[in-house]
Amino acid sequence: MFSVKSVVIIGSGNVATHLGTAFLKNGIDIKGVFSTTLDHAQELAEKLKTKAFASITDIPKDADAYLLAISDWALSETVRQLPSVDGIVMHTSGSIGLGIFSGTIKRAAVFYPLQTFSKNKQVDLSLVPILIESDDTEIVESLKELGNKFSEHIKEVDSHQRKQLHLAAVFACNFSNYMYYIAQDLLQEKGLDFNLIKPLIKETAKKLDTLSPRAAQTGPAIRRDMKTLNRHLERLNKHPEYQEIYHLISEQIQNLKD
C-alpha cells in the first residue's frame, strides 16, 4: 500500500473547500487548484496556500491523487480533458458510478463525503462518513488511510449502494430542508419568527439517536386526526402547492406500517 501525500484539487465549491482544508490540516501537500472559473480557483488556492491553474492541462502531473470535486454534469467532460497522470483520480459524487472513468483512467476511485456542505459553515468532518470505491484493493486501502486522517467513519461501498445512499440523503436532507422553507414562509405570513420552531426541529432530529423514524413519528396524520388535518388543508387554500404536499405526505404517514 502507498500513502497519499499530495493532492491536486479540481473544483472550487463547497466540497472542494471542506476536503481541501481537511487535507491541508492533516499534512497533505496541496499541489494546486483548478477550476473553470479562475477567480474561484485563486480564492480557494489562497486558503490552501497553493497555486491556481487557469487550464486543466497545466496541473502538476506528479501528484499522488486528483480530487474531482465538481458538479455531476461536468464530470464526464472533465475526465475527458484530464491529462494523463499516474496518481489516483477520484470523484466525490454520490450519484455517479465508478464507470464514469470508463477505462480511460489508470487508477480510478470514488471518495464521497456523505454530508451537506456550505462553504462558510464549519462541519465536523470527524463525524462525516467517507464512502470509498475502487476496483483496485491497494487504492481502497490508500484512500481509507487518507480518510482516516480526519474522519472516524470510513466505509467501502459499491456504486449501487452509494447511489441508494444518495437518494436516501435527498429525502432526509434536501427535502427536509424544503419543509423548513415552507414552515418559514407560513410563519412569516403571520409575522412569526422561524426561531420559534427551531427547538422542535432539533428535538425531532435528536430523537433519532434513540428511536427509529417510525417510532419517532408524531402528529395528526399518525393519530388519524381527520378534523385537524382538514383544518390544516383549509388554511392552505391560498397555497395549493403546499396543500398538495401536505395531503400527500399525511396520506403516506397514515399508511405507515406498525
C-alpha atoms as a PDB file:
ATOM      1  CA  MET A   1       0.000   0.000   0.000  1.00  0.00           C
ATOM      2  CA  PHE A   2       1.195   3.507  -0.762  1.00  0.00           C
ATOM      3  CA  SER A   3       0.257   6.644   1.171  1.00  0.00           C
ATOM      4  CA  VAL A   4      -1.402   9.634  -0.449  1.00  0.00           C
ATOM      5  CA  LYS A   5       0.841  12.553   0.468  1.00  0.00           C
ATOM      6  CA  SER A   6      -0.057  15.055  -2.259  1.00  0.00           C
ATOM      7  CA  VAL A   7      -3.307  16.054  -3.953  1.00  0.00           C
ATOM      8  CA  VAL A   8      -4.420  18.288  -6.821  1.00  0.00           C
ATOM      9  CA  ILE A   9      -7.923  19.670  -6.324  1.00  0.00           C
ATOM     10  CA  ILE A  10     -10.153  20.090  -9.364  1.00  0.00           C
ATOM     11  CA  GLY A  11     -13.118  22.215  -8.382  1.00  0.00           C
ATOM     12  CA  SER A  12     -13.564  25.160  -6.041  1.00  0.00           C
ATOM     13  CA  GLY A  13     -17.000  24.737  -4.488  1.00  0.00           C
ATOM     14  CA  ASN A  14     -18.225  23.564  -1.108  1.00  0.00           C
ATOM     15  CA  VAL A  15     -16.859  20.013  -1.211  1.00  0.00           C
ATOM     16  CA  ALA A  16     -13.507  21.115  -2.635  1.00  0.00           C
ATOM     17  CA  THR A  17     -13.219  23.751   0.080  1.00  0.00           C
ATOM     18  CA  HIS A  18     -14.009  21.459   3.012  1.00  0.00           C
ATOM     19  CA  LEU A  19     -11.948  18.478   1.839  1.00  0.00           C
ATOM     20  CA  GLY A  20      -9.070  20.683   0.739  1.00  0.00           C
ATOM     21  CA  THR A  21      -8.993  22.321   4.164  1.00  0.00           C
ATOM     22  CA  ALA A  22      -9.057  18.899   5.849  1.00  0.00           C
ATOM     23  CA  PHE A  23      -6.196  17.648   3.678  1.00  0.00           C
ATOM     24  CA  LEU A  24      -4.092  20.717   4.451  1.00  0.00           C
ATOM     25  CA  LYS A  25      -4.707  20.458   8.208  1.00  0.00           C
ATOM     26  CA  ASN A  26      -3.595  16.831   8.134  1.00  0.00           C
ATOM     27  CA  GLY A  27      -0.323  17.317   6.358  1.00  0.00           C
ATOM     28  CA  ILE A  28      -1.334  16.564   2.777  1.00  0.00           C
ATOM     29  CA  ASP A  29       0.542  18.646   0.211  1.00  0.00           C
ATOM     30  CA  ILE A  30      -1.986  20.528  -1.923  1.00  0.00           C
ATOM     31  CA  LYS A  31      -0.124  20.869  -5.205  1.00  0.00           C
ATOM     32  CA  GLY A  32      -2.682  23.158  -6.814  1.00  0.00           C
ATOM     33  CA  VAL A  33      -6.298  24.018  -7.578  1.00  0.00           C
ATOM     34  CA  PHE A  34      -8.005  24.106 -10.953  1.00  0.00           C
ATOM     35  CA  SER A  35     -11.480  25.458 -11.641  1.00  0.00           C
ATOM     36  CA  THR A  36     -13.168  26.540 -14.856  1.00  0.00           C
ATOM     37  CA  THR A  37     -13.604  29.900 -13.114  1.00  0.00           C
ATOM     38  CA  LEU A  38     -10.089  31.137 -12.424  1.00  0.00           C
ATOM     39  CA  ASP A  39     -11.167  33.657  -9.767  1.00  0.00           C
ATOM     40  CA  HIS A  40     -12.734  30.856  -7.762  1.00  0.00           C
ATOM     41  CA  ALA A  41      -9.641  28.692  -8.146  1.00  0.00           C
ATOM     42  CA  GLN A  42      -7.471  31.555  -6.946  1.00  0.00           C
ATOM     43  CA  GLU A  43      -9.717  32.175  -3.940  1.00  0.00           C
ATOM     44  CA  LEU A  44      -9.509  28.537  -2.824  1.00  0.00           C
ATOM     45  CA  ALA A  45      -5.798  28.287  -3.639  1.00  0.00           C
ATOM     46  CA  GLU A  46      -5.149  31.252  -1.346  1.00  0.00           C
ATOM     47  CA  LYS A  47      -6.971  29.483   1.502  1.00  0.00           C
ATOM     48  CA  LEU A  48      -4.999  26.302   0.873  1.00  0.00           C
ATOM     49  CA  LYS A  49      -1.665  28.097   0.466  1.00  0.00           C
ATOM     50  CA  THR A  50      -1.088  26.759  -3.025  1.00  0.00           C
ATOM     51  CA  LYS A  51      -1.260  27.672  -6.727  1.00  0.00           C
ATOM     52  CA  ALA A  52      -4.266  28.155  -9.001  1.00  0.00           C
ATOM     53  CA  PHE A  53      -4.230  26.938 -12.593  1.00  0.00           C
ATOM     54  CA  ALA A  54      -6.079  28.542 -15.485  1.00  0.00           C
ATOM     55  CA  SER A  55      -6.083  25.365 -17.585  1.00  0.00           C
ATOM     56  CA  ILE A  56      -6.547  21.742 -16.612  1.00  0.00           C
ATOM     57  CA  THR A  57      -3.561  20.879 -18.801  1.00  0.00           C
ATOM     58  CA  ASP A  58      -1.344  22.975 -16.518  1.00  0.00           C
ATOM     59  CA  ILE A  59      -1.958  20.933 -13.364  1.00  0.00           C
ATOM     60  CA  PRO A  60       1.002  19.028 -11.870  1.00  0.00           C
ATOM     61  CA  LYS A  61       1.321  15.509 -13.274  1.00  0.00           C
ATOM     62  CA  ASP A  62       3.175  14.042 -10.273  1.00  0.00           C
ATOM     63  CA  ALA A  63       0.549  14.205  -7.503  1.00  0.00           C
ATOM     64  CA  ASP A  64      -0.439  11.075  -5.607  1.00  0.00           C
ATOM     65  CA  ALA A  65      -4.141  11.858  -6.097  1.00  0.00           C
ATOM     66  CA  TYR A  66      -6.502  14.123  -8.036  1.00  0.00           C
ATOM     67  CA  LEU A  67      -9.760  15.091  -6.338  1.00  0.00           C
ATOM     68  CA  LEU A  68     -12.586  15.865  -8.791  1.00  0.00           C
ATOM     69  CA  ALA A  69     -14.937  17.838  -6.521  1.00  0.00           C
ATOM     70  CA  ILE A  70     -17.181  19.165  -9.276  1.00  0.00           C
ATOM     71  CA  SER A  71     -20.801  19.028 -10.417  1.00  0.00           C
ATOM     72  CA  ASP A  72     -22.069  15.681 -11.687  1.00  0.00           C
ATOM     73  CA  TRP A  73     -22.877  17.148 -15.091  1.00  0.00           C
ATOM     74  CA  ALA A  74     -19.262  18.302 -15.529  1.00  0.00           C
ATOM     75  CA  LEU A  75     -17.575  15.022 -14.601  1.00  0.00           C
ATOM     76  CA  SER A  76     -17.583  13.305 -17.979  1.00  0.00           C
ATOM     77  CA  GLU A  77     -16.060  16.243 -19.846  1.00  0.00           C
ATOM     78  CA  THR A  78     -13.505  16.886 -17.097  1.00  0.00           C
ATOM     79  CA  VAL A  79     -12.379  13.261 -17.166  1.00  0.00           C
ATOM     80  CA  ARG A  80     -12.026  13.526 -20.934  1.00  0.00           C
ATOM     81  CA  GLN A  81      -9.874  16.660 -20.651  1.00  0.00           C
ATOM     82  CA  LEU A  82      -7.724  15.427 -17.797  1.00  0.00           C
ATOM     83  CA  PRO A  83      -4.090  14.934 -18.828  1.00  0.00           C
ATOM     84  CA  SER A  84      -2.501  11.514 -18.400  1.00  0.00           C
ATOM     85  CA  VAL A  85      -1.469  11.054 -14.777  1.00  0.00           C
ATOM     86  CA  ASP A  86      -0.273   8.132 -12.669  1.00  0.00           C
ATOM     87  CA  GLY A  87      -1.943   9.239  -9.442  1.00  0.00           C
ATOM     88  CA  ILE A  88      -5.350   8.183  -8.168  1.00  0.00           C
ATOM     89  CA  VAL A  89      -8.182  10.075  -9.861  1.00  0.00           C
ATOM     90  CA  MET A  90     -11.204  10.186  -7.566  1.00  0.00           C
ATOM     91  CA  HIS A  91     -14.560  11.897  -7.846  1.00  0.00           C
ATOM     92  CA  THR A  92     -16.752  12.927  -4.906  1.00  0.00           C
ATOM     93  CA  SER A  93     -20.224  12.285  -6.347  1.00  0.00           C
ATOM     94  CA  GLY A  94     -22.885  10.282  -4.589  1.00  0.00           C
ATOM     95  CA  SER A  95     -24.953   9.623  -7.696  1.00  0.00           C
ATOM     96  CA  ILE A  96     -22.275   8.846 -10.327  1.00  0.00           C
ATOM     97  CA  GLY A  97     -20.747   5.394 -10.565  1.00  0.00           C
ATOM     98  CA  LEU A  98     -17.147   4.351 -10.979  1.00  0.00           C
ATOM     99  CA  GLY A  99     -17.966   3.694 -14.632  1.00  0.00           C
ATOM    100  CA  ILE A 100     -17.673   7.421 -15.431  1.00  0.00           C
ATOM    101  CA  PHE A 101     -13.951   6.791 -15.789  1.00  0.00           C
ATOM    102  CA  SER A 102     -14.705   4.101 -18.426  1.00  0.00           C
ATOM    103  CA  GLY A 103     -11.213   2.631 -18.530  1.00  0.00           C
ATOM    104  CA  THR A 104      -9.536   5.898 -19.538  1.00  0.00           C
ATOM    105  CA  ILE A 105      -8.105   6.493 -16.063  1.00  0.00           C
ATOM    106  CA  LYS A 106      -5.345   4.194 -14.823  1.00  0.00           C
ATOM    107  CA  ARG A 107      -6.219   4.421 -11.129  1.00  0.00           C
ATOM    108  CA  ALA A 108      -9.870   5.354 -10.666  1.00  0.00           C
ATOM    109  CA  ALA A 109     -11.761   5.762  -7.410  1.00  0.00           C
ATOM    110  CA  VAL A 110     -14.606   7.441  -5.548  1.00  0.00           C
ATOM    111  CA  PHE A 111     -14.083   9.444  -2.347  1.00  0.00           C
ATOM    112  CA  TYR A 112     -17.594  10.546  -1.349  1.00  0.00           C
ATOM    113  CA  PRO A 113     -18.275  12.502   1.867  1.00  0.00           C
ATOM    114  CA  LEU A 114     -21.873  11.832   2.898  1.00  0.00           C
ATOM    115  CA  GLN A 115     -22.761  15.289   4.184  1.00  0.00           C
ATOM    116  CA  THR A 116     -24.326  18.574   3.156  1.00  0.00           C
ATOM    117  CA  PHE A 117     -21.744  21.339   2.816  1.00  0.00           C
ATOM    118  CA  SER A 118     -21.964  25.115   2.721  1.00  0.00           C
ATOM    119  CA  LYS A 119     -18.725  26.944   2.044  1.00  0.00           C
ATOM    120  CA  ASN A 120     -18.829  29.271   5.065  1.00  0.00           C
ATOM    121  CA  LYS A 121     -20.381  26.805   7.543  1.00  0.00           C
ATOM    122  CA  GLN A 122     -17.964  24.676   9.537  1.00  0.00           C
ATOM    123  CA  VAL A 123     -18.583  20.914   9.595  1.00  0.00           C
ATOM    124  CA  ASP A 124     -17.024  18.415  11.987  1.00  0.00           C
ATOM    125  CA  LEU A 125     -15.537  16.070   9.403  1.00  0.00           C
ATOM    126  CA  SER A 126     -14.655  13.525  12.074  1.00  0.00           C
ATOM    127  CA  LEU A 127     -18.381  12.653  12.123  1.00  0.00           C
ATOM    128  CA  VAL A 128     -18.815  12.556   8.335  1.00  0.00           C
ATOM    129  CA  PRO A 129     -18.874   9.126   6.638  1.00  0.00           C
ATOM    130  CA  ILE A 130     -16.363   8.871   3.797  1.00  0.00           C
ATOM    131  CA  LEU A 131     -17.524   6.277   1.258  1.00  0.00           C
ATOM    132  CA  ILE A 132     -14.799   4.742  -0.871  1.00  0.00           C
ATOM    133  CA  GLU A 133     -14.861   2.671  -4.037  1.00  0.00           C
ATOM    134  CA  SER A 134     -12.228   1.333  -6.429  1.00  0.00           C
ATOM    135  CA  ASP A 135     -11.639  -1.831  -8.404  1.00  0.00           C
ATOM    136  CA  ASP A 136      -8.082  -1.829  -7.026  1.00  0.00           C
ATOM    137  CA  THR A 137      -7.776  -3.070  -3.430  1.00  0.00           C
ATOM    138  CA  GLU A 138      -4.495  -1.200  -2.949  1.00  0.00           C
ATOM    139  CA  ILE A 139      -6.213   2.082  -3.875  1.00  0.00           C
ATOM    140  CA  VAL A 140      -9.051   1.308  -1.459  1.00  0.00           C
ATOM    141  CA  GLU A 141      -6.592   0.837   1.383  1.00  0.00           C
ATOM    142  CA  SER A 142      -4.705   4.013   0.447  1.00  0.00           C
ATOM    143  CA  LEU A 143      -7.925   6.051   0.463  1.00  0.00           C
ATOM    144  CA  LYS A 144      -9.041   4.512   3.743  1.00  0.00           C
ATOM    145  CA  GLU A 145      -5.756   5.699   5.232  1.00  0.00           C
ATOM    146  CA  LEU A 146      -6.323   9.158   3.736  1.00  0.00           C
ATOM    147  CA  GLY A 147      -9.892   9.369   5.021  1.00  0.00           C
ATOM    148  CA  ASN A 148      -8.876   8.190   8.482  1.00  0.00           C
ATOM    149  CA  LYS A 149      -6.738  11.281   8.866  1.00  0.00           C
ATOM    150  CA  PHE A 150      -9.865  13.361   9.520  1.00  0.00           C
ATOM    151  CA  SER A 151     -12.928  11.069   9.664  1.00  0.00           C
ATOM    152  CA  GLU A 152     -13.862   8.335  12.121  1.00  0.00           C
ATOM    153  CA  HIS A 153     -16.285   6.752   9.657  1.00  0.00           C
ATOM    154  CA  ILE A 154     -14.670   5.223   6.570  1.00  0.00           C
ATOM    155  CA  LYS A 155     -16.636   2.622   4.634  1.00  0.00           C
ATOM    156  CA  GLU A 156     -16.167   0.824   1.325  1.00  0.00           C
ATOM    157  CA  VAL A 157     -19.378   0.777  -0.721  1.00  0.00           C
ATOM    158  CA  ASP A 158     -20.045  -0.002  -4.371  1.00  0.00           C
ATOM    159  CA  SER A 159     -21.712   2.296  -6.905  1.00  0.00           C
ATOM    160  CA  HIS A 160     -25.196   0.777  -6.460  1.00  0.00           C
ATOM    161  CA  GLN A 161     -25.062   1.179  -2.681  1.00  0.00           C
ATOM    162  CA  ARG A 162     -23.745   4.725  -2.930  1.00  0.00           C
ATOM    163  CA  LYS A 163     -26.492   5.756  -5.384  1.00  0.00           C
ATOM    164  CA  GLN A 164     -29.092   4.413  -2.939  1.00  0.00           C
ATOM    165  CA  LEU A 165     -27.448   6.314  -0.096  1.00  0.00           C
ATOM    166  CA  HIS A 166     -27.525   9.493  -2.186  1.00  0.00           C
ATOM    167  CA  LEU A 167     -31.229   9.001  -2.925  1.00  0.00           C
ATOM    168  CA  ALA A 168     -31.954   8.456   0.777  1.00  0.00           C
ATOM    169  CA  ALA A 169     -29.902  11.553   1.607  1.00  0.00           C
ATOM    170  CA  VAL A 170     -32.016  13.694  -0.734  1.00  0.00           C
ATOM    171  CA  PHE A 171     -35.136  12.672   1.190  1.00  0.00           C
ATOM    172  CA  ALA A 172     -33.521  13.095   4.601  1.00  0.00           C
ATOM    173  CA  CYS A 173     -31.675  16.343   3.914  1.00  0.00           C
ATOM    174  CA  ASN A 174     -32.787  18.264   0.825  1.00  0.00           C
ATOM    175  CA  PHE A 175     -36.497  17.523   1.117  1.00  0.00           C
ATOM    176  CA  SER A 176     -36.490  18.108   4.879  1.00  0.00           C
ATOM    177  CA  ASN A 177     -34.828  21.479   4.349  1.00  0.00           C
ATOM    178  CA  TYR A 178     -37.511  22.423   1.836  1.00  0.00           C
ATOM    179  CA  MET A 179     -40.094  21.642   4.517  1.00  0.00           C
ATOM    180  CA  TYR A 180     -38.271  24.121   6.762  1.00  0.00           C
ATOM    181  CA  TYR A 181     -38.608  26.676   3.958  1.00  0.00           C
ATOM    182  CA  ILE A 182     -42.364  26.083   3.788  1.00  0.00           C
ATOM    183  CA  ALA A 183     -42.620  26.398   7.576  1.00  0.00           C
ATOM    184  CA  GLN A 184     -40.703  29.685   7.493  1.00  0.00           C
ATOM    185  CA  ASP A 185     -42.905  31.007   4.695  1.00  0.00           C
ATOM    186  CA  LEU A 186     -46.096  30.171   6.591  1.00  0.00           C
ATOM    187  CA  LEU A 187     -44.799  31.734   9.795  1.00  0.00           C
ATOM    188  CA  GLN A 188     -43.723  34.931   8.074  1.00  0.00           C
ATOM    189  CA  GLU A 189     -47.245  35.349   6.678  1.00  0.00           C
ATOM    190  CA  LYS A 190     -48.420  35.938  10.249  1.00  0.00           C
ATOM    191  CA  GLY A 191     -45.384  37.903  11.425  1.00  0.00           C
ATOM    192  CA  LEU A 192     -43.915  34.975  13.360  1.00  0.00           C
ATOM    193  CA  ASP A 193     -40.203  34.196  13.791  1.00  0.00           C
ATOM    194  CA  PHE A 194     -38.814  30.931  12.396  1.00  0.00           C
ATOM    195  CA  ASN A 195     -36.662  30.675  15.545  1.00  0.00           C
ATOM    196  CA  LEU A 196     -39.818  29.697  17.441  1.00  0.00           C
ATOM    197  CA  ILE A 197     -39.807  26.220  15.888  1.00  0.00           C
ATOM    198  CA  LYS A 198     -36.053  25.587  15.868  1.00  0.00           C
ATOM    199  CA  PRO A 199     -36.186  23.748  19.233  1.00  0.00           C
ATOM    200  CA  LEU A 200     -38.879  21.496  17.710  1.00  0.00           C
ATOM    201  CA  ILE A 201     -36.687  20.772  14.679  1.00  0.00           C
ATOM    202  CA  LYS A 202     -33.674  19.979  16.872  1.00  0.00           C
ATOM    203  CA  GLU A 203     -35.642  17.690  19.187  1.00  0.00           C
ATOM    204  CA  THR A 204     -37.117  15.821  16.211  1.00  0.00           C
ATOM    205  CA  ALA A 205     -33.629  15.115  14.887  1.00  0.00           C
ATOM    206  CA  LYS A 206     -32.281  14.263  18.354  1.00  0.00           C
ATOM    207  CA  LYS A 207     -34.949  11.588  18.830  1.00  0.00           C
ATOM    208  CA  LEU A 208     -33.339   9.556  16.062  1.00  0.00           C
ATOM    209  CA  ASP A 209     -30.368   8.884  18.347  1.00  0.00           C
ATOM    210  CA  THR A 210     -32.608   6.512  20.320  1.00  0.00           C
ATOM    211  CA  LEU A 211     -35.712   5.872  18.189  1.00  0.00           C
ATOM    212  CA  SER A 212     -36.391   4.635  14.669  1.00  0.00           C
ATOM    213  CA  PRO A 213     -38.061   7.149  12.326  1.00  0.00           C
ATOM    214  CA  ARG A 214     -41.269   5.129  12.573  1.00  0.00           C
ATOM    215  CA  ALA A 215     -41.235   5.165  16.376  1.00  0.00           C
ATOM    216  CA  ALA A 216     -40.468   8.902  16.414  1.00  0.00           C
ATOM    217  CA  GLN A 217     -43.397   9.811  14.145  1.00  0.00           C
ATOM    218  CA  THR A 218     -45.946  12.073  15.836  1.00  0.00           C
ATOM    219  CA  GLY A 219     -48.619  14.499  14.674  1.00  0.00           C
ATOM    220  CA  PRO A 220     -52.227  14.491  13.458  1.00  0.00           C
ATOM    221  CA  ALA A 221     -51.632  12.170  10.487  1.00  0.00           C
ATOM    222  CA  ILE A 222     -50.239   9.256  12.505  1.00  0.00           C
ATOM    223  CA  ARG A 223     -53.082   9.784  15.034  1.00  0.00           C
ATOM    224  CA  ARG A 224     -55.562   9.846  12.130  1.00  0.00           C
ATOM    225  CA  ASP A 225     -56.960  13.112  13.489  1.00  0.00           C
ATOM    226  CA  MET A 226     -59.025  13.988  10.416  1.00  0.00           C
ATOM    227  CA  LYS A 227     -60.538  17.138  11.927  1.00  0.00           C
ATOM    228  CA  THR A 228     -57.105  18.700  12.405  1.00  0.00           C
ATOM    229  CA  LEU A 229     -55.899  17.503   9.007  1.00  0.00           C
ATOM    230  CA  ASN A 230     -58.889  19.057   7.299  1.00  0.00           C
ATOM    231  CA  ARG A 231     -58.474  22.339   9.204  1.00  0.00           C
ATOM    232  CA  HIS A 232     -54.834  22.490   8.113  1.00  0.00           C
ATOM    233  CA  LEU A 233     -55.757  21.818   4.499  1.00  0.00           C
ATOM    234  CA  GLU A 234     -58.354  24.593   4.669  1.00  0.00           C
ATOM    235  CA  ARG A 235     -55.748  27.041   6.000  1.00  0.00           C
ATOM    236  CA  LEU A 236     -53.604  26.213   2.974  1.00  0.00           C
ATOM    237  CA  ASN A 237     -56.249  27.255   0.421  1.00  0.00           C
ATOM    238  CA  LYS A 238     -54.064  30.167  -0.700  1.00  0.00           C
ATOM    239  CA  HIS A 239     -51.142  27.781  -1.237  1.00  0.00           C
ATOM    240  CA  PRO A 240     -52.373  24.911  -3.415  1.00  0.00           C
ATOM    241  CA  GLU A 241     -48.802  23.658  -3.903  1.00  0.00           C
ATOM    242  CA  TYR A 242     -48.306  23.361  -0.122  1.00  0.00           C
ATOM    243  CA  GLN A 243     -51.784  21.867   0.192  1.00  0.00           C
ATOM    244  CA  GLU A 244     -50.862  19.125  -2.261  1.00  0.00           C
ATOM    245  CA  ILE A 245     -47.649  18.321  -0.371  1.00  0.00           C
ATOM    246  CA  TYR A 246     -49.493  18.301   2.963  1.00  0.00           C
ATOM    247  CA  HIS A 247     -52.173  15.937   1.665  1.00  0.00           C
ATOM    248  CA  LEU A 248     -49.721  13.517   0.020  1.00  0.00           C
ATOM    249  CA  ILE A 249     -47.364  13.272   2.989  1.00  0.00           C
ATOM    250  CA  SER A 250     -50.210  12.978   5.511  1.00  0.00           C
ATOM    251  CA  GLU A 251     -51.645  10.142   3.449  1.00  0.00           C
ATOM    252  CA  GLN A 252     -48.300   8.336   3.383  1.00  0.00           C
ATOM    253  CA  ILE A 253     -47.838   8.785   7.141  1.00  0.00           C
ATOM    254  CA  GLN A 254     -51.259   7.241   7.730  1.00  0.00           C
ATOM    255  CA  ASN A 255     -50.142   4.234   5.696  1.00  0.00           C
ATOM    256  CA  LEU A 256     -47.046   3.609   7.819  1.00  0.00           C
ATOM    257  CA  LYS A 257     -46.761   0.019   8.992  1.00  0.00           C
ATOM    258  CA  ASP A 258     -46.531  -0.694  12.713  1.00  0.00           C
END
